[in-house]
């Protein structure tokens, strides 16, 4: 299981120079981790973004969440192959989601 406190602390440390984005990124990552993913994987990201879209998140909010999670994966050297176009095309995203 991911240690959420350690992840958020590490992310905040990494974002010290990006003060304008820090709060939004921390908020997005904390919300993602609140969905209880067991590990960092792209299926969890796609499922999370799909749920947020259905909940009524605006496109700009979804993009901010996408980039925050991409930064989190980079910080942990986790595999990331998702592209913005692929994620924000609802049809393509749903094709990638497991049944």
PDB file of N, CA and C in Angstrom:
ATOM      1  N   UNK A   1       0.844  -1.184   0.000  1.00  0.00           N
ATOM      2  CA  UNK A   1       0.000   0.000   0.000  1.00  0.00           C
ATOM      3  C   UNK A   1       0.885   1.241   0.000  1.00  0.00           C
ATOM      4  N   UNK A   2       0.472   2.242  -0.716  1.00  0.00           N
ATOM      5  CA  UNK A   2       1.220   3.485  -0.767  1.00  0.00           C
ATOM      6  C   UNK A   2       1.111   4.223   0.558  1.00  0.00           C
ATOM      7  N   UNK A   3       2.213   4.781   1.006  1.00  0.00           N
ATOM      8  CA  UNK A   3       2.201   5.604   2.213  1.00  0.00           C
ATOM      9  C   UNK A   3       1.837   7.022   1.781  1.00  0.00           C
ATOM     10  N   UNK A   4       0.591   7.406   2.000  1.00  0.00           N
ATOM     11  CA  UNK A   4       0.075   8.676   1.490  1.00  0.00           C
ATOM     12  C   UNK A   4       0.792   9.882   2.082  1.00  0.00           C
ATOM     13  N   UNK A   5       1.124   9.828   3.363  1.00  0.00           N
ATOM     14  CA  UNK A   5       1.812  10.953   3.997  1.00  0.00           C
ATOM     15  C   UNK A   5       3.193  11.138   3.379  1.00  0.00           C
ATOM     16  N   UNK A   6       3.908  10.037   3.173  1.00  0.00           N
ATOM     17  CA  UNK A   6       5.247  10.107   2.586  1.00  0.00           C
ATOM     18  C   UNK A   6       5.175  10.632   1.154  1.00  0.00           C
ATOM     19  N   UNK A   7       4.190  10.190   0.397  1.00  0.00           N
ATOM     20  CA  UNK A   7       4.037  10.657  -0.985  1.00  0.00           C
ATOM     21  C   UNK A   7       3.768  12.157  -1.014  1.00  0.00           C
ATOM     22  N   UNK A   8       2.829  12.624  -0.202  1.00  0.00           N
ATOM     23  CA  UNK A   8       2.495  14.046  -0.204  1.00  0.00           C
ATOM     24  C   UNK A   8       3.664  14.898   0.285  1.00  0.00           C
ATOM     25  N   UNK A   9       4.409  14.407   1.266  1.00  0.00           N
ATOM     26  CA  UNK A   9       5.583  15.140   1.753  1.00  0.00           C
ATOM     27  C   UNK A   9       6.636  15.233   0.652  1.00  0.00           C
ATOM     28  N   UNK A  10       6.880  14.114  -0.011  1.00  0.00           N
ATOM     29  CA  UNK A  10       7.876  14.092  -1.089  1.00  0.00           C
ATOM     30  C   UNK A  10       7.452  15.002  -2.245  1.00  0.00           C
ATOM     31  N   UNK A  11       6.168  14.974  -2.576  1.00  0.00           N
ATOM     32  CA  UNK A  11       5.660  15.816  -3.656  1.00  0.00           C
ATOM     33  C   UNK A  11       5.777  17.289  -3.286  1.00  0.00           C
ATOM     34  N   UNK A  12       5.426  17.632  -2.056  1.00  0.00           N
ATOM     35  CA  UNK A  12       5.519  19.028  -1.627  1.00  0.00           C
ATOM     36  C   UNK A  12       6.968  19.513  -1.673  1.00  0.00           C
ATOM     37  N   UNK A  13       7.893  18.662  -1.243  1.00  0.00           N
ATOM     38  CA  UNK A  13       9.313  19.028  -1.310  1.00  0.00           C
ATOM     39  C   UNK A  13       9.753  19.268  -2.752  1.00  0.00           C
ATOM     40  N   UNK A  14       9.285  18.415  -3.652  1.00  0.00           N
ATOM     41  CA  UNK A  14       9.667  18.539  -5.055  1.00  0.00           C
ATOM     42  C   UNK A  14       9.068  19.784  -5.700  1.00  0.00           C
ATOM     43  N   UNK A  15       7.940  20.242  -5.183  1.00  0.00           N
ATOM     44  CA  UNK A  15       7.239  21.370  -5.797  1.00  0.00           C
ATOM     45  C   UNK A  15       7.567  22.718  -5.153  1.00  0.00           C
ATOM     46  N   UNK A  16       8.519  22.759  -4.254  1.00  0.00           N
ATOM     47  CA  UNK A  16       8.824  24.017  -3.554  1.00  0.00           C
ATOM     48  C   UNK A  16       9.102  25.172  -4.512  1.00  0.00           C
ATOM     49  N   UNK A  17       9.695  24.888  -5.643  1.00  0.00           N
ATOM     50  CA  UNK A  17      10.022  25.944  -6.607  1.00  0.00           C
ATOM     51  C   UNK A  17       8.835  26.320  -7.487  1.00  0.00           C
ATOM     52  N   UNK A  18       7.810  25.504  -7.494  1.00  0.00           N
ATOM     53  CA  UNK A  18       6.631  25.771  -8.327  1.00  0.00           C
ATOM     54  C   UNK A  18       5.484  26.200  -7.425  1.00  0.00           C
ATOM     55  N   UNK A  19       5.643  27.297  -6.743  1.00  0.00           N
ATOM     56  CA  UNK A  19       4.681  27.710  -5.726  1.00  0.00           C
ATOM     57  C   UNK A  19       3.278  27.883  -6.276  1.00  0.00           C
ATOM     58  N   UNK A  20       3.137  28.370  -7.498  1.00  0.00           N
ATOM     59  CA  UNK A  20       1.795  28.602  -8.028  1.00  0.00           C
ATOM     60  C   UNK A  20       1.056  27.284  -8.257  1.00  0.00           C
ATOM     61  N   UNK A  21       1.781  26.225  -8.567  1.00  0.00           N
ATOM     62  CA  UNK A  21       1.143  24.940  -8.848  1.00  0.00           C
ATOM     63  C   UNK A  21       1.078  24.031  -7.621  1.00  0.00           C
ATOM     64  N   UNK A  22       1.853  24.335  -6.601  1.00  0.00           N
ATOM     65  CA  UNK A  22       1.988  23.405  -5.475  1.00  0.00           C
ATOM     66  C   UNK A  22       0.650  23.035  -4.837  1.00  0.00           C
ATOM     67  N   UNK A  23      -0.160  24.018  -4.479  1.00  0.00           N
ATOM     68  CA  UNK A  23      -1.428  23.732  -3.819  1.00  0.00           C
ATOM     69  C   UNK A  23      -2.358  22.902  -4.680  1.00  0.00           C
ATOM     70  N   UNK A  24      -2.460  23.264  -5.943  1.00  0.00           N
ATOM     71  CA  UNK A  24      -3.353  22.538  -6.849  1.00  0.00           C
ATOM     72  C   UNK A  24      -2.858  21.111  -7.065  1.00  0.00           C
ATOM     73  N   UNK A  25      -1.556  20.932  -7.212  1.00  0.00           N
ATOM     74  CA  UNK A  25      -1.012  19.594  -7.414  1.00  0.00           C
ATOM     75  C   UNK A  25      -1.208  18.735  -6.173  1.00  0.00           C
ATOM     76  N   UNK A  26      -0.940  19.298  -5.008  1.00  0.00           N
ATOM     77  CA  UNK A  26      -1.122  18.540  -3.764  1.00  0.00           C
ATOM     78  C   UNK A  26      -2.585  18.139  -3.578  1.00  0.00           C
ATOM     79  N   UNK A  27      -3.485  19.055  -3.884  1.00  0.00           N
ATOM     80  CA  UNK A  27      -4.916  18.780  -3.771  1.00  0.00           C
ATOM     81  C   UNK A  27      -5.314  17.632  -4.702  1.00  0.00           C
ATOM     82  N   UNK A  28      -4.856  17.676  -5.950  1.00  0.00           N
ATOM     83  CA  UNK A  28      -5.207  16.648  -6.927  1.00  0.00           C
ATOM     84  C   UNK A  28      -4.646  15.289  -6.523  1.00  0.00           C
ATOM     85  N   UNK A  29      -3.391  15.279  -6.086  1.00  0.00           N
ATOM     86  CA  UNK A  29      -2.758  14.009  -5.705  1.00  0.00           C
ATOM     87  C   UNK A  29      -3.418  13.449  -4.444  1.00  0.00           C
ATOM     88  N   UNK A  30      -3.710  14.307  -3.480  1.00  0.00           N
ATOM     89  CA  UNK A  30      -4.368  13.848  -2.251  1.00  0.00           C
ATOM     90  C   UNK A  30      -5.735  13.244  -2.578  1.00  0.00           C
ATOM     91  N   UNK A  31      -6.456  13.874  -3.502  1.00  0.00           N
ATOM     92  CA  UNK A  31      -7.762  13.364  -3.905  1.00  0.00           C
ATOM     93  C   UNK A  31      -7.615  12.010  -4.595  1.00  0.00           C
ATOM     94  N   UNK A  32      -6.625  11.887  -5.480  1.00  0.00           N
ATOM     95  CA  UNK A  32      -6.365  10.622  -6.173  1.00  0.00           C
ATOM     96  C   UNK A  32      -6.033   9.526  -5.168  1.00  0.00           C
ATOM     97  N   UNK A  33      -5.146   9.823  -4.219  1.00  0.00           N
ATOM     98  CA  UNK A  33      -4.761   8.826  -3.223  1.00  0.00           C
ATOM     99  C   UNK A  33      -5.932   8.467  -2.321  1.00  0.00           C
ATOM    100  N   UNK A  34      -6.871   9.380  -2.174  1.00  0.00           N
ATOM    101  CA  UNK A  34      -8.063   9.109  -1.385  1.00  0.00           C
ATOM    102  C   UNK A  34      -8.968   8.066  -2.010  1.00  0.00           C
ATOM    103  N   UNK A  35      -8.756   7.769  -3.289  1.00  0.00           N
ATOM    104  CA  UNK A  35      -9.535   6.729  -3.955  1.00  0.00           C
ATOM    105  C   UNK A  35      -8.942   5.355  -3.670  1.00  0.00           C
ATOM    106  N   UNK A  36      -7.899   5.314  -2.851  1.00  0.00           N
ATOM    107  CA  UNK A  36      -7.247   4.100  -2.362  1.00  0.00           C
ATOM    108  C   UNK A  36      -6.600   3.215  -3.426  1.00  0.00           C
ATOM    109  N   UNK A  37      -5.786   3.777  -4.317  1.00  0.00           N
ATOM    110  CA  UNK A  37      -5.054   2.880  -5.217  1.00  0.00           C
ATOM    111  C   UNK A  37      -4.012   2.115  -4.411  1.00  0.00           C
ATOM    112  N   UNK A  38      -3.822   0.852  -4.741  1.00  0.00           N
ATOM    113  CA  UNK A  38      -2.841   0.030  -4.031  1.00  0.00           C
ATOM    114  C   UNK A  38      -1.432   0.313  -4.537  1.00  0.00           C
ATOM    115  N   UNK A  39      -1.326   0.758  -5.777  1.00  0.00           N
ATOM    116  CA  UNK A  39      -0.035   1.078  -6.371  1.00  0.00           C
ATOM    117  C   UNK A  39      -0.248   2.133  -7.446  1.00  0.00           C
ATOM    118  N   UNK A  40       0.839   2.727  -7.878  1.00  0.00           N
ATOM    119  CA  UNK A  40       0.737   3.726  -8.946  1.00  0.00           C
ATOM    120  C   UNK A  40       0.650   2.991 -10.277  1.00  0.00           C
ATOM    121  N   UNK A  41      -0.501   3.053 -10.923  1.00  0.00           N
ATOM    122  CA  UNK A  41      -0.629   2.466 -12.252  1.00  0.00           C
ATOM    123  C   UNK A  41      -1.591   3.299 -13.079  1.00  0.00           C
ATOM    124  N   UNK A  42      -1.433   3.193 -14.380  1.00  0.00           N
ATOM    125  CA  UNK A  42      -2.204   4.037 -15.290  1.00  0.00           C
ATOM    126  C   UNK A  42      -3.693   3.717 -15.277  1.00  0.00           C
ATOM    127  N   UNK A  43      -4.050   2.467 -15.028  1.00  0.00           N
ATOM    128  CA  UNK A  43      -5.469   2.123 -14.975  1.00  0.00           C
ATOM    129  C   UNK A  43      -6.157   2.875 -13.837  1.00  0.00           C
ATOM    130  N   UNK A  44      -5.451   3.010 -12.703  1.00  0.00           N
ATOM    131  CA  UNK A  44      -6.019   3.759 -11.576  1.00  0.00           C
ATOM    132  C   UNK A  44      -6.216   5.222 -11.956  1.00  0.00           C
ATOM    133  N   UNK A  45      -5.270   5.782 -12.712  1.00  0.00           N
ATOM    134  CA  UNK A  45      -5.384   7.178 -13.150  1.00  0.00           C
ATOM    135  C   UNK A  45      -6.570   7.340 -14.091  1.00  0.00           C
ATOM    136  N   UNK A  46      -6.697   6.447 -15.057  1.00  0.00           N
ATOM    137  CA  UNK A  46      -7.805   6.536 -16.011  1.00  0.00           C
ATOM    138  C   UNK A  46      -9.154   6.397 -15.309  1.00  0.00           C
ATOM    139  N   UNK A  47      -9.245   5.462 -14.401  1.00  0.00           N
ATOM    140  CA  UNK A  47     -10.483   5.252 -13.661  1.00  0.00           C
ATOM    141  C   UNK A  47     -10.815   6.488 -12.824  1.00  0.00           C
ATOM    142  N   UNK A  48      -9.806   7.034 -12.169  1.00  0.00           N
ATOM    143  CA  UNK A  48      -9.987   8.229 -11.340  1.00  0.00           C
ATOM    144  C   UNK A  48     -10.468   9.420 -12.182  1.00  0.00           C
ATOM    145  N   UNK A  49      -9.804   9.664 -13.316  1.00  0.00           N
ATOM    146  CA  UNK A  49     -10.189  10.794 -14.169  1.00  0.00           C
ATOM    147  C   UNK A  49     -11.595  10.593 -14.731  1.00  0.00           C
ATOM    148  N   UNK A  50     -11.936   9.358 -15.042  1.00  0.00           N
ATOM    149  CA  UNK A  50     -13.276   9.068 -15.541  1.00  0.00           C
ATOM    150  C   UNK A  50     -14.326   9.395 -14.469  1.00  0.00           C
ATOM    151  N   UNK A  51     -14.042   9.005 -13.227  1.00  0.00           N
ATOM    152  CA  UNK A  51     -14.970   9.304 -12.130  1.00  0.00           C
ATOM    153  C   UNK A  51     -15.099  10.812 -11.924  1.00  0.00           C
ATOM    154  N   UNK A  52     -13.974  11.519 -11.996  1.00  0.00           N
ATOM    155  CA  UNK A  52     -14.007  12.974 -11.804  1.00  0.00           C
ATOM    156  C   UNK A  52     -14.786  13.645 -12.929  1.00  0.00           C
ATOM    157  N   UNK A  53     -14.621  13.158 -14.157  1.00  0.00           N
ATOM    158  CA  UNK A  53     -15.361  13.721 -15.287  1.00  0.00           C
ATOM    159  C   UNK A  53     -16.865  13.502 -15.098  1.00  0.00           C
ATOM    160  N   UNK A  54     -17.243  12.311 -14.681  1.00  0.00           N
ATOM    161  CA  UNK A  54     -18.658  12.014 -14.444  1.00  0.00           C
ATOM    162  C   UNK A  54     -19.211  12.849 -13.294  1.00  0.00           C
ATOM    163  N   UNK A  55     -18.334  13.220 -12.355  1.00  0.00           N
ATOM    164  CA  UNK A  55     -18.752  14.046 -11.220  1.00  0.00           C
ATOM    165  C   UNK A  55     -18.893  15.519 -11.612  1.00  0.00           C
ATOM    166  N   UNK A  56     -18.498  15.855 -12.849  1.00  0.00           N
ATOM    167  CA  UNK A  56     -18.698  17.214 -13.347  1.00  0.00           C
ATOM    168  C   UNK A  56     -17.477  18.109 -13.359  1.00  0.00           C
ATOM    169  N   UNK A  57     -16.282  17.538 -13.192  1.00  0.00           N
ATOM    170  CA  UNK A  57     -15.081  18.370 -13.280  1.00  0.00           C
ATOM    171  C   UNK A  57     -14.984  19.020 -14.655  1.00  0.00           C
ATOM    172  N   UNK A  58     -14.576  20.270 -14.681  1.00  0.00           N
ATOM    173  CA  UNK A  58     -14.392  20.992 -15.939  1.00  0.00           C
ATOM    174  C   UNK A  58     -13.095  20.521 -16.602  1.00  0.00           C
ATOM    175  N   UNK A  59     -12.967  20.702 -17.943  1.00  0.00           N
ATOM    176  CA  UNK A  59     -11.764  20.253 -18.652  1.00  0.00           C
ATOM    177  C   UNK A  59     -10.456  20.775 -18.042  1.00  0.00           C
ATOM    178  N   UNK A  60     -10.414  22.032 -17.632  1.00  0.00           N
ATOM    179  CA  UNK A  60      -9.173  22.578 -17.057  1.00  0.00           C
ATOM    180  C   UNK A  60      -8.819  21.883 -15.743  1.00  0.00           C
ATOM    181  N   UNK A  61      -9.819  21.559 -14.949  1.00  0.00           N
ATOM    182  CA  UNK A  61      -9.583  20.856 -13.687  1.00  0.00           C
ATOM    183  C   UNK A  61      -9.051  19.454 -13.960  1.00  0.00           C
ATOM    184  N   UNK A  62      -9.648  18.780 -14.940  1.00  0.00           N
ATOM    185  CA  UNK A  62      -9.175  17.438 -15.300  1.00  0.00           C
ATOM    186  C   UNK A  62      -7.731  17.481 -15.786  1.00  0.00           C
ATOM    187  N   UNK A  63      -7.385  18.495 -16.579  1.00  0.00           N
ATOM    188  CA  UNK A  63      -6.011  18.612 -17.073  1.00  0.00           C
ATOM    189  C   UNK A  63      -5.037  18.855 -15.932  1.00  0.00           C
ATOM    190  N   UNK A  64      -5.436  19.694 -14.975  1.00  0.00           N
ATOM    191  CA  UNK A  64      -4.568  19.934 -13.826  1.00  0.00           C
ATOM    192  C   UNK A  64      -4.352  18.627 -13.062  1.00  0.00           C
ATOM    193  N   UNK A  65      -5.413  17.846 -12.874  1.00  0.00           N
ATOM    194  CA  UNK A  65      -5.281  16.562 -12.194  1.00  0.00           C
ATOM    195  C   UNK A  65      -4.335  15.638 -12.987  1.00  0.00           C
ATOM    196  N   UNK A  66      -4.502  15.610 -14.310  1.00  0.00           N
ATOM    197  CA  UNK A  66      -3.660  14.786 -15.176  1.00  0.00           C
ATOM    198  C   UNK A  66      -2.182  15.132 -14.986  1.00  0.00           C
ATOM    199  N   UNK A  67      -1.846  16.429 -15.058  1.00  0.00           N
ATOM    200  CA  UNK A  67      -0.447  16.827 -14.942  1.00  0.00           C
ATOM    201  C   UNK A  67       0.105  16.621 -13.535  1.00  0.00           C
ATOM    202  N   UNK A  68      -0.729  16.772 -12.516  1.00  0.00           N
ATOM    203  CA  UNK A  68      -0.292  16.498 -11.148  1.00  0.00           C
ATOM    204  C   UNK A  68       0.061  15.024 -10.988  1.00  0.00           C
ATOM    205  N   UNK A  69      -0.774  14.144 -11.543  1.00  0.00           N
ATOM    206  CA  UNK A  69      -0.514  12.711 -11.425  1.00  0.00           C
ATOM    207  C   UNK A  69       0.680  12.302 -12.274  1.00  0.00           C
ATOM    208  N   UNK A  70       0.839  12.933 -13.434  1.00  0.00           N
ATOM    209  CA  UNK A  70       2.008  12.649 -14.273  1.00  0.00           C
ATOM    210  C   UNK A  70       3.287  13.023 -13.513  1.00  0.00           C
ATOM    211  N   UNK A  71       3.259  14.157 -12.826  1.00  0.00           N
ATOM    212  CA  UNK A  71       4.403  14.591 -12.037  1.00  0.00           C
ATOM    213  C   UNK A  71       4.673  13.619 -10.895  1.00  0.00           C
ATOM    214  N   UNK A  72       3.623  13.131 -10.261  1.00  0.00           N
ATOM    215  CA  UNK A  72       3.767  12.147  -9.185  1.00  0.00           C
ATOM    216  C   UNK A  72       4.446  10.880  -9.699  1.00  0.00           C
ATOM    217  N   UNK A  73       4.016  10.383 -10.843  1.00  0.00           N
ATOM    218  CA  UNK A  73       4.610   9.177 -11.415  1.00  0.00           C
ATOM    219  C   UNK A  73       6.087   9.416 -11.724  1.00  0.00           C
ATOM    220  N   UNK A  74       6.401  10.587 -12.273  1.00  0.00           N
ATOM    221  CA  UNK A  74       7.790  10.918 -12.585  1.00  0.00           C
ATOM    222  C   UNK A  74       8.641  10.915 -11.309  1.00  0.00           C
ATOM    223  N   UNK A  75       8.093  11.480 -10.260  1.00  0.00           N
ATOM    224  CA  UNK A  75       8.788  11.557  -8.980  1.00  0.00           C
ATOM    225  C   UNK A  75       9.123  10.160  -8.445  1.00  0.00           C
ATOM    226  N   UNK A  76       8.260   9.202  -8.700  1.00  0.00           N
ATOM    227  CA  UNK A  76       8.451   7.829  -8.223  1.00  0.00           C
ATOM    228  C   UNK A  76       8.996   6.884  -9.292  1.00  0.00           C
ATOM    229  N   UNK A  77       9.405   7.430 -10.425  1.00  0.00           N
ATOM    230  CA  UNK A  77       9.921   6.625 -11.532  1.00  0.00           C
ATOM    231  C   UNK A  77       8.965   5.492 -11.912  1.00  0.00           C
ATOM    232  N   UNK A  78       7.674   5.767 -11.827  1.00  0.00           N
ATOM    233  CA  UNK A  78       6.662   4.786 -12.209  1.00  0.00           C
ATOM    234  C   UNK A  78       6.399   4.929 -13.709  1.00  0.00           C
ATOM    235  N   UNK A  79       6.109   3.816 -14.383  1.00  0.00           N
ATOM    236  CA  UNK A  79       5.859   3.889 -15.831  1.00  0.00           C
ATOM    237  C   UNK A  79       4.673   4.786 -16.154  1.00  0.00           C
ATOM    238  N   UNK A  80       4.831   5.637 -17.157  1.00  0.00           N
ATOM    239  CA  UNK A  80       3.772   6.557 -17.592  1.00  0.00           C
ATOM    240  C   UNK A  80       3.823   6.655 -19.100  1.00  0.00           C
ATOM    241  N   UNK A  81       2.775   6.177 -19.779  1.00  0.00           N
ATOM    242  CA  UNK A  81       2.723   6.241 -21.239  1.00  0.00           C
ATOM    243  C   UNK A  81       1.524   7.039 -21.725  1.00  0.00           C
ATOM    244  N   UNK A  82       0.677   7.493 -20.792  1.00  0.00           N
ATOM    245  CA  UNK A  82      -0.532   8.216 -21.185  1.00  0.00           C
ATOM    246  C   UNK A  82      -0.193   9.550 -21.825  1.00  0.00           C
ATOM    247  N   UNK A  83      -0.900   9.873 -22.900  1.00  0.00           N
ATOM    248  CA  UNK A  83      -0.742  11.178 -23.533  1.00  0.00           C
ATOM    249  C   UNK A  83      -1.987  12.014 -23.231  1.00  0.00           C
ATOM    250  N   UNK A  84      -1.827  13.312 -23.299  1.00  0.00           N
ATOM    251  CA  UNK A  84      -2.955  14.203 -23.022  1.00  0.00           C
ATOM    252  C   UNK A  84      -4.112  13.919 -23.979  1.00  0.00           C
ATOM    253  N   UNK A  85      -3.799  13.778 -25.266  1.00  0.00           N
ATOM    254  CA  UNK A  85      -4.844  13.519 -26.255  1.00  0.00           C
ATOM    255  C   UNK A  85      -5.604  12.241 -25.970  1.00  0.00           C
ATOM    256  N   UNK A  86      -4.875  11.210 -25.591  1.00  0.00           N
ATOM    257  CA  UNK A  86      -5.490   9.926 -25.302  1.00  0.00           C
ATOM    258  C   UNK A  86      -6.397  10.011 -24.070  1.00  0.00           C
ATOM    259  N   UNK A  87      -5.948  10.691 -23.052  1.00  0.00           N
ATOM    260  CA  UNK A  87      -6.696  10.771 -21.802  1.00  0.00           C
ATOM    261  C   UNK A  87      -7.935  11.639 -21.950  1.00  0.00           C
ATOM    262  N   UNK A  88      -7.839  12.709 -22.719  1.00  0.00           N
ATOM    263  CA  UNK A  88      -8.964  13.630 -22.799  1.00  0.00           C
ATOM    264  C   UNK A  88      -9.906  13.347 -23.947  1.00  0.00           C
ATOM    265  N   UNK A  89      -9.661  12.286 -24.671  1.00  0.00           N
ATOM    266  CA  UNK A  89     -10.638  11.784 -25.618  1.00  0.00           C
ATOM    267  C   UNK A  89     -11.413  10.701 -24.871  1.00  0.00           C
ATOM    268  N   UNK A  90     -12.620  11.006 -24.476  1.00  0.00           N
ATOM    269  CA  UNK A  90     -13.408  10.102 -23.638  1.00  0.00           C
ATOM    270  C   UNK A  90     -13.522   8.717 -24.260  1.00  0.00           C
ATOM    271  N   UNK A  91     -13.773   8.665 -25.552  1.00  0.00           N
ATOM    272  CA  UNK A  91     -13.934   7.372 -26.212  1.00  0.00           C
ATOM    273  C   UNK A  91     -12.661   6.550 -26.109  1.00  0.00           C
ATOM    274  N   UNK A  92     -11.499   7.179 -26.402  1.00  0.00           N
ATOM    275  CA  UNK A  92     -10.229   6.459 -26.325  1.00  0.00           C
ATOM    276  C   UNK A  92      -9.931   6.017 -24.893  1.00  0.00           C
ATOM    277  N   UNK A  93     -10.241   6.863 -23.924  1.00  0.00           N
ATOM    278  CA  UNK A  93      -9.971   6.520 -22.535  1.00  0.00           C
ATOM    279  C   UNK A  93     -10.808   5.306 -22.128  1.00  0.00           C
ATOM    280  N   UNK A  94     -12.050   5.298 -22.513  1.00  0.00           N
ATOM    281  CA  UNK A  94     -12.917   4.181 -22.121  1.00  0.00           C
ATOM    282  C   UNK A  94     -12.473   2.879 -22.794  1.00  0.00           C
ATOM    283  N   UNK A  95     -11.861   2.977 -23.986  1.00  0.00           N
ATOM    284  CA  UNK A  95     -11.360   1.772 -24.639  1.00  0.00           C
ATOM    285  C   UNK A  95     -10.166   1.197 -23.868  1.00  0.00           C
ATOM    286  N   UNK A  96      -9.392   2.054 -23.216  1.00  0.00           N
ATOM    287  CA  UNK A  96      -8.231   1.604 -22.458  1.00  0.00           C
ATOM    288  C   UNK A  96      -8.583   1.026 -21.108  1.00  0.00           C
ATOM    289  N   UNK A  97      -9.716   1.451 -20.560  1.00  0.00           N
ATOM    290  CA  UNK A  97     -10.105   0.963 -19.233  1.00  0.00           C
ATOM    291  C   UNK A  97     -10.412  -0.529 -19.295  1.00  0.00           C
ATOM    292  N   UNK A  98      -9.970  -1.267 -18.294  1.00  0.00           N
ATOM    293  CA  UNK A  98     -10.314  -2.699 -18.282  1.00  0.00           C
ATOM    294  C   UNK A  98     -11.817  -2.892 -18.106  1.00  0.00           C
ATOM    295  N   UNK A  99     -12.369  -3.960 -18.670  1.00  0.00           N
ATOM    296  CA  UNK A  99     -13.830  -4.181 -18.575  1.00  0.00           C
ATOM    297  C   UNK A  99     -14.297  -4.406 -17.139  1.00  0.00           C
TER     298      UNK A  99
END
